[in-house]
Amino acid sequence: MVIPPPDRAARIVTFLKPYLLKMHFSNKFVTAQVIHTPTATVACSASSQEKLLRPSMESTRDVSAAAKIGKLLGERLLVQGIPAVSIHLKREQKYHGKVRAVIDSVREAGVKLL
């Protein structure tokens, strides 16, 4: 059973940033998703678990893998016509290391960060 997101007033939705970049780092993989907040659906994603990416990576969990994931996600966003995203960092995430690699490579791909 799928629970739809709550309805928000139109005046609130116009001020929301519709696309949100979320990142997850496990001990083995790096995953980044862009979520469309009004509909609560995943607009685009990239992960080091993808079979097509594994041969081109030395490791699936280090900073270079995070940079490749960010670059791939940025290219996919531009193909889908999403020009800008906002960033959501968890409480323990800081702009350093893998997080910085993903964000900088998304920015270098041509996506604006709000």
PDB file of N, CA and C in Angstrom:
ATOM      1  N   MET A   1       0.838  -1.171   0.000  1.00  0.00           N
ATOM      2  CA  MET A   1       0.000   0.000   0.000  1.00  0.00           C
ATOM      3  C   MET A   1       0.887   1.239   0.000  1.00  0.00           C
ATOM      4  N   VAL A   2       0.649   2.100  -0.952  1.00  0.00           N
ATOM      5  CA  VAL A   2       1.438   3.313  -1.079  1.00  0.00           C
ATOM      6  C   VAL A   2       0.668   4.468  -0.447  1.00  0.00           C
ATOM      7  N   ILE A   3       1.320   5.186   0.437  1.00  0.00           N
ATOM      8  CA  ILE A   3       0.694   6.331   1.081  1.00  0.00           C
ATOM      9  C   ILE A   3       1.134   7.583   0.334  1.00  0.00           C
ATOM     10  N   PRO A   4       0.197   8.336  -0.239  1.00  0.00           N
ATOM     11  CA  PRO A   4       0.586   9.539  -0.978  1.00  0.00           C
ATOM     12  C   PRO A   4       1.082  10.617  -0.022  1.00  0.00           C
ATOM     13  N   PRO A   5       1.936  11.520  -0.524  1.00  0.00           N
ATOM     14  CA  PRO A   5       2.415  12.606   0.339  1.00  0.00           C
ATOM     15  C   PRO A   5       1.274  13.545   0.689  1.00  0.00           C
ATOM     16  N   PRO A   6       1.383  14.269   1.789  1.00  0.00           N
ATOM     17  CA  PRO A   6       0.296  15.176   2.172  1.00  0.00           C
ATOM     18  C   PRO A   6       0.187  16.338   1.197  1.00  0.00           C
ATOM     19  N   ASP A   7      -1.034  16.819   1.014  1.00  0.00           N
ATOM     20  CA  ASP A   7      -1.265  17.973   0.144  1.00  0.00           C
ATOM     21  C   ASP A   7      -0.799  19.240   0.855  1.00  0.00           C
ATOM     22  N   ARG A   8      -0.118  20.090   0.103  1.00  0.00           N
ATOM     23  CA  ARG A   8       0.358  21.353   0.661  1.00  0.00           C
ATOM     24  C   ARG A   8      -0.330  22.489  -0.084  1.00  0.00           C
ATOM     25  N   ALA A   9      -0.477  23.584   0.579  1.00  0.00           N
ATOM     26  CA  ALA A   9      -1.081  24.750  -0.051  1.00  0.00           C
ATOM     27  C   ALA A   9      -0.198  25.226  -1.201  1.00  0.00           C
ATOM     28  N   ALA A  10      -0.825  25.784  -2.228  1.00  0.00           N
ATOM     29  CA  ALA A  10      -0.084  26.215  -3.418  1.00  0.00           C
ATOM     30  C   ALA A  10       0.939  27.284  -3.078  1.00  0.00           C
ATOM     31  N   ARG A  11       0.621  28.164  -2.126  1.00  0.00           N
ATOM     32  CA  ARG A  11       1.567  29.228  -1.786  1.00  0.00           C
ATOM     33  C   ARG A  11       2.803  28.681  -1.094  1.00  0.00           C
ATOM     34  N   ILE A  12       2.692  27.526  -0.415  1.00  0.00           N
ATOM     35  CA  ILE A  12       3.849  26.916   0.226  1.00  0.00           C
ATOM     36  C   ILE A  12       4.704  26.192  -0.808  1.00  0.00           C
ATOM     37  N   VAL A  13       4.067  25.500  -1.751  1.00  0.00           N
ATOM     38  CA  VAL A  13       4.794  24.721  -2.751  1.00  0.00           C
ATOM     39  C   VAL A  13       5.644  25.615  -3.640  1.00  0.00           C
ATOM     40  N   THR A  14       5.186  26.843  -3.904  1.00  0.00           N
ATOM     41  CA  THR A  14       5.966  27.729  -4.774  1.00  0.00           C
ATOM     42  C   THR A  14       7.279  28.149  -4.135  1.00  0.00           C
ATOM     43  N   PHE A  15       7.353  28.145  -2.804  1.00  0.00           N
ATOM     44  CA  PHE A  15       8.587  28.545  -2.138  1.00  0.00           C
ATOM     45  C   PHE A  15       9.484  27.362  -1.802  1.00  0.00           C
ATOM     46  N   LEU A  16       8.992  26.151  -1.964  1.00  0.00           N
ATOM     47  CA  LEU A  16       9.819  24.985  -1.679  1.00  0.00           C
ATOM     48  C   LEU A  16      10.811  24.767  -2.803  1.00  0.00           C
ATOM     49  N   LYS A  17      11.940  24.215  -2.463  1.00  0.00           N
ATOM     50  CA  LYS A  17      12.906  23.824  -3.477  1.00  0.00           C
ATOM     51  C   LYS A  17      12.525  22.417  -3.918  1.00  0.00           C
ATOM     52  N   PRO A  18      12.114  22.244  -5.161  1.00  0.00           N
ATOM     53  CA  PRO A  18      11.483  20.979  -5.534  1.00  0.00           C
ATOM     54  C   PRO A  18      12.421  19.782  -5.607  1.00  0.00           C
ATOM     55  N   TYR A  19      13.694  19.972  -5.931  1.00  0.00           N
ATOM     56  CA  TYR A  19      14.594  18.832  -6.081  1.00  0.00           C
ATOM     57  C   TYR A  19      15.644  18.853  -4.974  1.00  0.00           C
ATOM     58  N   LEU A  20      15.795  17.713  -4.317  1.00  0.00           N
ATOM     59  CA  LEU A  20      16.653  17.603  -3.138  1.00  0.00           C
ATOM     60  C   LEU A  20      17.677  16.494  -3.365  1.00  0.00           C
ATOM     61  N   LEU A  21      18.963  16.808  -3.202  1.00  0.00           N
ATOM     62  CA  LEU A  21      20.043  15.822  -3.358  1.00  0.00           C
ATOM     63  C   LEU A  21      20.334  15.182  -2.011  1.00  0.00           C
ATOM     64  N   LYS A  22      20.184  13.863  -1.944  1.00  0.00           N
ATOM     65  CA  LYS A  22      20.499  13.128  -0.721  1.00  0.00           C
ATOM     66  C   LYS A  22      21.578  12.099  -1.049  1.00  0.00           C
ATOM     67  N   MET A  23      22.510  11.924  -0.125  1.00  0.00           N
ATOM     68  CA  MET A  23      23.621  11.000  -0.328  1.00  0.00           C
ATOM     69  C   MET A  23      23.661   9.981   0.796  1.00  0.00           C
ATOM     70  N   HIS A  24      24.093   8.782   0.450  1.00  0.00           N
ATOM     71  CA  HIS A  24      24.248   7.733   1.458  1.00  0.00           C
ATOM     72  C   HIS A  24      25.577   7.030   1.203  1.00  0.00           C
ATOM     73  N   PHE A  25      26.342   6.845   2.269  1.00  0.00           N
ATOM     74  CA  PHE A  25      27.645   6.199   2.173  1.00  0.00           C
ATOM     75  C   PHE A  25      27.660   5.004   3.113  1.00  0.00           C
ATOM     76  N   SER A  26      27.810   3.813   2.557  1.00  0.00           N
ATOM     77  CA  SER A  26      27.958   2.630   3.395  1.00  0.00           C
ATOM     78  C   SER A  26      29.425   2.222   3.382  1.00  0.00           C
ATOM     79  N   ASN A  27      29.730   1.109   4.029  1.00  0.00           N
ATOM     80  CA  ASN A  27      31.119   0.642   4.040  1.00  0.00           C
ATOM     81  C   ASN A  27      31.548   0.067   2.697  1.00  0.00           C
ATOM     82  N   LYS A  28      30.580  -0.214   1.809  1.00  0.00           N
ATOM     83  CA  LYS A  28      30.915  -0.792   0.512  1.00  0.00           C
ATOM     84  C   LYS A  28      30.576   0.095  -0.676  1.00  0.00           C
ATOM     85  N   PHE A  29      29.532   0.924  -0.570  1.00  0.00           N
ATOM     86  CA  PHE A  29      29.026   1.632  -1.743  1.00  0.00           C
ATOM     87  C   PHE A  29      28.725   3.097  -1.450  1.00  0.00           C
ATOM     88  N   VAL A  30      28.619   3.861  -2.543  1.00  0.00           N
ATOM     89  CA  VAL A  30      28.231   5.272  -2.505  1.00  0.00           C
ATOM     90  C   VAL A  30      26.951   5.402  -3.325  1.00  0.00           C
ATOM     91  N   THR A  31      25.937   6.062  -2.764  1.00  0.00           N
ATOM     92  CA  THR A  31      24.667   6.241  -3.450  1.00  0.00           C
ATOM     93  C   THR A  31      24.239   7.690  -3.339  1.00  0.00           C
ATOM     94  N   ALA A  32      23.730   8.254  -4.445  1.00  0.00           N
ATOM     95  CA  ALA A  32      23.201   9.619  -4.440  1.00  0.00           C
ATOM     96  C   ALA A  32      21.876   9.617  -5.182  1.00  0.00           C
ATOM     97  N   GLN A  33      20.888  10.307  -4.606  1.00  0.00           N
ATOM     98  CA  GLN A  33      19.558  10.384  -5.200  1.00  0.00           C
ATOM     99  C   GLN A  33      19.103  11.831  -5.233  1.00  0.00           C
ATOM    100  N   VAL A  34      18.317  12.158  -6.248  1.00  0.00           N
ATOM    101  CA  VAL A  34      17.642  13.447  -6.298  1.00  0.00           C
ATOM    102  C   VAL A  34      16.155  13.159  -6.178  1.00  0.00           C
ATOM    103  N   ILE A  35      15.536  13.750  -5.156  1.00  0.00           N
ATOM    104  CA  ILE A  35      14.139  13.471  -4.841  1.00  0.00           C
ATOM    105  C   ILE A  35      13.303  14.694  -5.190  1.00  0.00           C
ATOM    106  N   HIS A  36      12.178  14.467  -5.870  1.00  0.00           N
ATOM    107  CA  HIS A  36      11.212  15.514  -6.169  1.00  0.00           C
ATOM    108  C   HIS A  36      10.289  15.620  -4.964  1.00  0.00           C
ATOM    109  N   THR A  37      10.456  16.676  -4.167  1.00  0.00           N
ATOM    110  CA  THR A  37       9.768  16.752  -2.877  1.00  0.00           C
ATOM    111  C   THR A  37       8.253  16.888  -2.958  1.00  0.00           C
ATOM    112  N   PRO A  38       7.654  17.618  -3.915  1.00  0.00           N
ATOM    113  CA  PRO A  38       6.189  17.684  -3.922  1.00  0.00           C
ATOM    114  C   PRO A  38       5.509  16.332  -4.133  1.00  0.00           C
ATOM    115  N   THR A  39       6.129  15.458  -4.920  1.00  0.00           N
ATOM    116  CA  THR A  39       5.525  14.147  -5.166  1.00  0.00           C
ATOM    117  C   THR A  39       6.194  13.031  -4.374  1.00  0.00           C
ATOM    118  N   ALA A  40       7.281  13.332  -3.682  1.00  0.00           N
ATOM    119  CA  ALA A  40       8.032  12.355  -2.889  1.00  0.00           C
ATOM    120  C   ALA A  40       8.475  11.155  -3.715  1.00  0.00           C
ATOM    121  N   THR A  41       8.972  11.412  -4.914  1.00  0.00           N
ATOM    122  CA  THR A  41       9.484  10.349  -5.775  1.00  0.00           C
ATOM    123  C   THR A  41      10.939  10.631  -6.123  1.00  0.00           C
ATOM    124  N   VAL A  42      11.650   9.585  -6.498  1.00  0.00           N
ATOM    125  CA  VAL A  42      13.052   9.720  -6.892  1.00  0.00           C
ATOM    126  C   VAL A  42      13.091  10.159  -8.352  1.00  0.00           C
ATOM    127  N   ALA A  43      13.654  11.337  -8.595  1.00  0.00           N
ATOM    128  CA  ALA A  43      13.739  11.868  -9.951  1.00  0.00           C
ATOM    129  C   ALA A  43      14.927  11.266 -10.694  1.00  0.00           C
ATOM    130  N   CYS A  44      16.035  11.047  -9.988  1.00  0.00           N
ATOM    131  CA  CYS A  44      17.241  10.537 -10.620  1.00  0.00           C
ATOM    132  C   CYS A  44      18.137   9.955  -9.538  1.00  0.00           C
ATOM    133  N   SER A  45      18.910   8.941  -9.886  1.00  0.00           N
ATOM    134  CA  SER A  45      19.818   8.355  -8.898  1.00  0.00           C
ATOM    135  C   SER A  45      21.050   7.794  -9.587  1.00  0.00           C
ATOM    136  N   ALA A  46      22.103   7.632  -8.799  1.00  0.00           N
ATOM    137  CA  ALA A  46      23.338   6.998  -9.267  1.00  0.00           C
ATOM    138  C   ALA A  46      23.965   6.290  -8.078  1.00  0.00           C
ATOM    139  N   SER A  47      24.558   5.139  -8.344  1.00  0.00           N
ATOM    140  CA  SER A  47      25.145   4.356  -7.268  1.00  0.00           C
ATOM    141  C   SER A  47      26.356   3.609  -7.784  1.00  0.00           C
ATOM    142  N   SER A  48      27.274   3.322  -6.880  1.00  0.00           N
ATOM    143  CA  SER A  48      28.434   2.522  -7.264  1.00  0.00           C
ATOM    144  C   SER A  48      28.083   1.035  -7.300  1.00  0.00           C
ATOM    145  N   GLN A  49      26.843   0.673  -7.011  1.00  0.00           N
ATOM    146  CA  GLN A  49      26.390  -0.709  -7.125  1.00  0.00           C
ATOM    147  C   GLN A  49      26.033  -1.087  -8.555  1.00  0.00           C
ATOM    148  N   GLU A  50      25.903  -0.105  -9.445  1.00  0.00           N
ATOM    149  CA  GLU A  50      25.511  -0.377 -10.826  1.00  0.00           C
ATOM    150  C   GLU A  50      26.581  -1.212 -11.518  1.00  0.00           C
ATOM    151  N   LYS A  51      26.137  -2.249 -12.203  1.00  0.00           N
ATOM    152  CA  LYS A  51      27.073  -3.194 -12.811  1.00  0.00           C
ATOM    153  C   LYS A  51      27.898  -2.570 -13.928  1.00  0.00           C
ATOM    154  N   LEU A  52      27.343  -1.579 -14.628  1.00  0.00           N
ATOM    155  CA  LEU A  52      28.090  -0.947 -15.710  1.00  0.00           C
ATOM    156  C   LEU A  52      29.231  -0.075 -15.192  1.00  0.00           C
ATOM    157  N   LEU A  53      29.124   0.403 -13.959  1.00  0.00           N
ATOM    158  CA  LEU A  53      30.163   1.273 -13.409  1.00  0.00           C
ATOM    159  C   LEU A  53      31.287   0.512 -12.725  1.00  0.00           C
ATOM    160  N   ARG A  54      31.013  -0.659 -12.233  1.00  0.00           N
ATOM    161  CA  ARG A  54      32.018  -1.386 -11.443  1.00  0.00           C
ATOM    162  C   ARG A  54      33.333  -1.655 -12.169  1.00  0.00           C
ATOM    163  N   PRO A  55      33.325  -2.044 -13.432  1.00  0.00           N
ATOM    164  CA  PRO A  55      34.635  -2.293 -14.080  1.00  0.00           C
ATOM    165  C   PRO A  55      35.506  -1.044 -14.198  1.00  0.00           C
ATOM    166  N   SER A  56      34.890   0.134 -14.261  1.00  0.00           N
ATOM    167  CA  SER A  56      35.676   1.354 -14.429  1.00  0.00           C
ATOM    168  C   SER A  56      36.165   1.934 -13.103  1.00  0.00           C
ATOM    169  N   MET A  57      35.774   1.327 -11.987  1.00  0.00           N
ATOM    170  CA  MET A  57      36.185   1.830 -10.669  1.00  0.00           C
ATOM    171  C   MET A  57      37.165   0.872 -10.013  1.00  0.00           C
ATOM    172  N   GLU A  58      38.163   1.458  -9.350  1.00  0.00           N
ATOM    173  CA  GLU A  58      39.067   0.623  -8.559  1.00  0.00           C
ATOM    174  C   GLU A  58      38.384   0.188  -7.277  1.00  0.00           C
ATOM    175  N   SER A  59      37.760   1.153  -6.606  1.00  0.00           N
ATOM    176  CA  SER A  59      37.052   0.880  -5.371  1.00  0.00           C
ATOM    177  C   SER A  59      35.663   1.502  -5.474  1.00  0.00           C
ATOM    178  N   THR A  60      34.682   0.886  -4.835  1.00  0.00           N
ATOM    179  CA  THR A  60      33.318   1.393  -4.908  1.00  0.00           C
ATOM    180  C   THR A  60      32.944   2.238  -3.695  1.00  0.00           C
ATOM    181  N   ARG A  61      33.918   2.557  -2.846  1.00  0.00           N
ATOM    182  CA  ARG A  61      33.564   3.269  -1.618  1.00  0.00           C
ATOM    183  C   ARG A  61      34.453   4.455  -1.274  1.00  0.00           C
ATOM    184  N   ASP A  62      35.452   4.782  -2.074  1.00  0.00           N
ATOM    185  CA  ASP A  62      36.365   5.857  -1.708  1.00  0.00           C
ATOM    186  C   ASP A  62      35.953   7.192  -2.333  1.00  0.00           C
ATOM    187  N   VAL A  63      36.798   8.195  -2.178  1.00  0.00           N
ATOM    188  CA  VAL A  63      36.482   9.543  -2.642  1.00  0.00           C
ATOM    189  C   VAL A  63      36.410   9.600  -4.166  1.00  0.00           C
ATOM    190  N   SER A  64      37.254   8.862  -4.856  1.00  0.00           N
ATOM    191  CA  SER A  64      37.210   8.884  -6.322  1.00  0.00           C
ATOM    192  C   SER A  64      35.915   8.260  -6.836  1.00  0.00           C
ATOM    193  N   ALA A  65      35.417   7.231  -6.166  1.00  0.00           N
ATOM    194  CA  ALA A  65      34.128   6.642  -6.541  1.00  0.00           C
ATOM    195  C   ALA A  65      33.006   7.643  -6.309  1.00  0.00           C
ATOM    196  N   ALA A  66      33.078   8.394  -5.218  1.00  0.00           N
ATOM    197  CA  ALA A  66      32.065   9.408  -4.941  1.00  0.00           C
ATOM    198  C   ALA A  66      32.075  10.493  -6.009  1.00  0.00           C
ATOM    199  N   ALA A  67      33.260  10.865  -6.485  1.00  0.00           N
ATOM    200  CA  ALA A  67      33.353  11.876  -7.541  1.00  0.00           C
ATOM    201  C   ALA A  67      32.748  11.361  -8.840  1.00  0.00           C
ATOM    202  N   LYS A  68      32.985  10.099  -9.178  1.00  0.00           N
ATOM    203  CA  LYS A  68      32.400   9.528 -10.394  1.00  0.00           C
ATOM    204  C   LYS A  68      30.883   9.449 -10.295  1.00  0.00           C
ATOM    205  N   ILE A  69      30.386   9.115  -9.122  1.00  0.00           N
ATOM    206  CA  ILE A  69      28.941   9.043  -8.924  1.00  0.00           C
ATOM    207  C   ILE A  69      28.324  10.430  -9.076  1.00  0.00           C
ATOM    208  N   GLY A  70      28.967  11.447  -8.524  1.00  0.00           N
ATOM    209  CA  GLY A  70      28.465  12.813  -8.655  1.00  0.00           C
ATOM    210  C   GLY A  70      28.458  13.288 -10.094  1.00  0.00           C
ATOM    211  N   LYS A  71      29.507  12.968 -10.838  1.00  0.00           N
ATOM    212  CA  LYS A  71      29.569  13.356 -12.246  1.00  0.00           C
ATOM    213  C   LYS A  71      28.473  12.668 -13.048  1.00  0.00           C
ATOM    214  N   LEU A  72      28.280  11.387 -12.809  1.00  0.00           N
ATOM    215  CA  LEU A  72      27.237  10.636 -13.506  1.00  0.00           C
ATOM    216  C   LEU A  72      25.847  11.164 -13.159  1.00  0.00           C
ATOM    217  N   LEU A  73      25.624  11.474 -11.887  1.00  0.00           N
ATOM    218  CA  LEU A  73      24.336  12.004 -11.466  1.00  0.00           C
ATOM    219  C   LEU A  73      24.075  13.367 -12.108  1.00  0.00           C
ATOM    220  N   GLY A  74      25.090  14.213 -12.173  1.00  0.00           N
ATOM    221  CA  GLY A  74      24.936  15.515 -12.822  1.00  0.00           C
ATOM    222  C   GLY A  74      24.576  15.397 -14.289  1.00  0.00           C
ATOM    223  N   GLU A  75      25.219  14.467 -14.989  1.00  0.00           N
ATOM    224  CA  GLU A  75      24.900  14.260 -16.401  1.00  0.00           C
ATOM    225  C   GLU A  75      23.474  13.749 -16.573  1.00  0.00           C
ATOM    226  N   ARG A  76      23.049  12.834 -15.710  1.00  0.00           N
ATOM    227  CA  ARG A  76      21.682  12.308 -15.786  1.00  0.00           C
ATOM    228  C   ARG A  76      20.647  13.384 -15.487  1.00  0.00           C
ATOM    229  N   LEU A  77      20.967  14.279 -14.560  1.00  0.00           N
ATOM    230  CA  LEU A  77      20.047  15.375 -14.241  1.00  0.00           C
ATOM    231  C   LEU A  77      19.873  16.310 -15.431  1.00  0.00           C
ATOM    232  N   LEU A  78      20.959  16.635 -16.105  1.00  0.00           N
ATOM    233  CA  LEU A  78      20.868  17.520 -17.262  1.00  0.00           C
ATOM    234  C   LEU A  78      20.105  16.869 -18.402  1.00  0.00           C
ATOM    235  N   VAL A  79      20.251  15.559 -18.580  1.00  0.00           N
ATOM    236  CA  VAL A  79      19.512  14.853 -19.625  1.00  0.00           C
ATOM    237  C   VAL A  79      18.015  14.897 -19.326  1.00  0.00           C
ATOM    238  N   GLN A  80      17.646  14.790 -18.054  1.00  0.00           N
ATOM    239  CA  GLN A  80      16.234  14.822 -17.677  1.00  0.00           C
ATOM    240  C   GLN A  80      15.673  16.234 -17.610  1.00  0.00           C
ATOM    241  N   GLY A  81      16.514  17.243 -17.744  1.00  0.00           N
ATOM    242  CA  GLY A  81      16.035  18.617 -17.744  1.00  0.00           C
ATOM    243  C   GLY A  81      15.885  19.222 -16.361  1.00  0.00           C
ATOM    244  N   ILE A  82      16.685  18.762 -15.410  1.00  0.00           N
ATOM    245  CA  ILE A  82      16.662  19.320 -14.053  1.00  0.00           C
ATOM    246  C   ILE A  82      17.901  20.203 -13.906  1.00  0.00           C
ATOM    247  N   PRO A  83      17.740  21.541 -13.937  1.00  0.00           N
ATOM    248  CA  PRO A  83      18.905  22.418 -13.950  1.00  0.00           C
ATOM    249  C   PRO A  83      19.493  22.736 -12.583  1.00  0.00           C
ATOM    250  N   ALA A  84      18.695  22.561 -11.500  1.00  0.00           N
ATOM    251  CA  ALA A  84      19.171  22.970 -10.177  1.00  0.00           C
ATOM    252  C   ALA A  84      18.616  22.049  -9.103  1.00  0.00           C
ATOM    253  N   VAL A  85      19.420  21.800  -8.083  1.00  0.00           N
ATOM    254  CA  VAL A  85      18.999  20.986  -6.941  1.00  0.00           C
ATOM    255  C   VAL A  85      19.461  21.663  -5.656  1.00  0.00           C
ATOM    256  N   SER A  86      18.799  21.347  -4.565  1.00  0.00           N
ATOM    257  CA  SER A  86      19.281  21.782  -3.261  1.00  0.00           C
ATOM    258  C   SER A  86      19.856  20.569  -2.546  1.00  0.00           C
ATOM    259  N   ILE A  87      20.697  20.805  -1.559  1.00  0.00           N
ATOM    260  CA  ILE A  87      21.433  19.725  -0.903  1.00  0.00           C
ATOM    261  C   ILE A  87      20.848  19.480   0.478  1.00  0.00           C
ATOM    262  N   HIS A  88      20.689  18.216   0.807  1.00  0.00           N
ATOM    263  CA  HIS A  88      20.245  17.837   2.143  1.00  0.00           C
ATOM    264  C   HIS A  88      21.355  17.027   2.786  1.00  0.00           C
ATOM    265  N   LEU A  89      21.962  17.567   3.837  1.00  0.00           N
ATOM    266  CA  LEU A  89      23.011  16.854   4.557  1.00  0.00           C
ATOM    267  C   LEU A  89      22.436  16.341   5.867  1.00  0.00           C
ATOM    268  N   LYS A  90      22.777  15.104   6.190  1.00  0.00           N
ATOM    269  CA  LYS A  90      22.369  14.558   7.478  1.00  0.00           C
ATOM    270  C   LYS A  90      23.171  15.241   8.581  1.00  0.00           C
ATOM    271  N   ARG A  91      22.767  15.018   9.795  1.00  0.00           N
ATOM    272  CA  ARG A  91      23.400  15.702  10.918  1.00  0.00           C
ATOM    273  C   ARG A  91      24.895  15.376  11.015  1.00  0.00           C
ATOM    274  N   GLU A  92      25.263  14.134  10.728  1.00  0.00           N
ATOM    275  CA  GLU A  92      26.664  13.752  10.866  1.00  0.00           C
ATOM    276  C   GLU A  92      27.493  14.044   9.616  1.00  0.00           C
ATOM    277  N   GLN A  93      26.845  14.456   8.522  1.00  0.00           N
ATOM    278  CA  GLN A  93      27.574  14.733   7.289  1.00  0.00           C
ATOM    279  C   GLN A  93      28.084  16.172   7.288  1.00  0.00           C
ATOM    280  N   LYS A  94      29.343  16.321   6.928  1.00  0.00           N
ATOM    281  CA  LYS A  94      29.945  17.642   6.796  1.00  0.00           C
ATOM    282  C   LYS A  94      30.485  17.771   5.381  1.00  0.00           C
ATOM    283  N   TYR A  95      30.701  19.006   4.940  1.00  0.00           N
ATOM    284  CA  TYR A  95      31.209  19.262   3.598  1.00  0.00           C
ATOM    285  C   TYR A  95      32.701  18.936   3.575  1.00  0.00           C
ATOM    286  N   HIS A  96      32.992  17.631   3.503  1.00  0.00           N
ATOM    287  CA  HIS A  96      34.362  17.165   3.571  1.00  0.00           C
ATOM    288  C   HIS A  96      34.417  15.751   3.010  1.00  0.00           C
ATOM    289  N   GLY A  97      35.487  15.400   2.345  1.00  0.00           N
ATOM    290  CA  GLY A  97      35.700  14.028   1.887  1.00  0.00           C
ATOM    291  C   GLY A  97      34.742  13.614   0.779  1.00  0.00           C
ATOM    292  N   LYS A  98      34.028  12.514   1.005  1.00  0.00           N
ATOM    293  CA  LYS A  98      33.129  11.968  -0.014  1.00  0.00           C
ATOM    294  C   LYS A  98      31.979  12.914  -0.324  1.00  0.00           C
ATOM    295  N   VAL A  99      31.448  13.560   0.702  1.00  0.00           N
ATOM    296  CA  VAL A  99      30.340  14.507   0.503  1.00  0.00           C
ATOM    297  C   VAL A  99      30.801  15.643  -0.410  1.00  0.00           C
ATOM    298  N   ARG A 100      31.970  16.158  -0.147  1.00  0.00           N
ATOM    299  CA  ARG A 100      32.512  17.235  -0.969  1.00  0.00           C
ATOM    300  C   ARG A 100      32.762  16.763  -2.402  1.00  0.00           C
ATOM    301  N   ALA A 101      33.237  15.541  -2.564  1.00  0.00           N
ATOM    302  CA  ALA A 101      33.506  15.010  -3.903  1.00  0.00           C
ATOM    303  C   ALA A 101      32.220  14.911  -4.714  1.00  0.00           C
ATOM    304  N   VAL A 102      31.144  14.419  -4.101  1.00  0.00           N
ATOM    305  CA  VAL A 102      29.868  14.294  -4.816  1.00  0.00           C
ATOM    306  C   VAL A 102      29.342  15.677  -5.192  1.00  0.00           C
ATOM    307  N   ILE A 103      29.322  16.593  -4.237  1.00  0.00           N
ATOM    308  CA  ILE A 103      28.752  17.920  -4.484  1.00  0.00           C
ATOM    309  C   ILE A 103      29.555  18.684  -5.527  1.00  0.00           C
ATOM    310  N   ASP A 104      30.865  18.646  -5.438  1.00  0.00           N
ATOM    311  CA  ASP A 104      31.701  19.366  -6.409  1.00  0.00           C
ATOM    312  C   ASP A 104      31.578  18.790  -7.812  1.00  0.00           C
ATOM    313  N   SER A 105      31.483  17.474  -7.928  1.00  0.00           N
ATOM    314  CA  SER A 105      31.383  16.888  -9.272  1.00  0.00           C
ATOM    315  C   SER A 105      30.001  17.113  -9.876  1.00  0.00           C
ATOM    316  N   VAL A 106      28.952  17.198  -9.052  1.00  0.00           N
ATOM    317  CA  VAL A 106      27.624  17.565  -9.577  1.00  0.00           C
ATOM    318  C   VAL A 106      27.662  19.002 -10.076  1.00  0.00           C
ATOM    319  N   ARG A 107      28.325  19.862  -9.331  1.00  0.00           N
ATOM    320  CA  ARG A 107      28.444  21.274  -9.725  1.00  0.00           C
ATOM    321  C   ARG A 107      29.253  21.403 -11.016  1.00  0.00           C
ATOM    322  N   GLU A 108      30.341  20.625 -11.144  1.00  0.00           N
ATOM    323  CA  GLU A 108      31.175  20.693 -12.355  1.00  0.00           C
ATOM    324  C   GLU A 108      30.446  20.147 -13.581  1.00  0.00           C
ATOM    325  N   ALA A 109      29.479  19.258 -13.361  1.00  0.00           N
ATOM    326  CA  ALA A 109      28.717  18.709 -14.484  1.00  0.00           C
ATOM    327  C   ALA A 109      27.767  19.754 -15.083  1.00  0.00           C
ATOM    328  N   GLY A 110      27.531  20.852 -14.359  1.00  0.00           N
ATOM    329  CA  GLY A 110      26.697  21.920 -14.898  1.00  0.00           C
ATOM    330  C   GLY A 110      25.380  22.121 -14.179  1.00  0.00           C
ATOM    331  N   VAL A 111      25.168  21.432 -13.071  1.00  0.00           N
ATOM    332  CA  VAL A 111      23.935  21.588 -12.304  1.00  0.00           C
ATOM    333  C   VAL A 111      24.154  22.660 -11.249  1.00  0.00           C
ATOM    334  N   LYS A 112      23.203  23.582 -11.130  1.00  0.00           N
ATOM    335  CA  LYS A 112      23.308  24.625 -10.114  1.00  0.00           C
ATOM    336  C   LYS A 112      22.867  24.059  -8.775  1.00  0.00           C
ATOM    337  N   LEU A 113      23.525  24.501  -7.728  1.00  0.00           N
ATOM    338  CA  LEU A 113      23.176  24.071  -6.371  1.00  0.00           C
ATOM    339  C   LEU A 113      22.546  25.253  -5.640  1.00  0.00           C
ATOM    340  N   LEU A 114      21.380  25.009  -5.081  1.00  0.00           N
ATOM    341  CA  LEU A 114      20.645  26.069  -4.369  1.00  0.00           C
ATOM    342  C   LEU A 114      20.949  26.036  -2.897  1.00  0.00           C
TER     343      LEU A 114
END
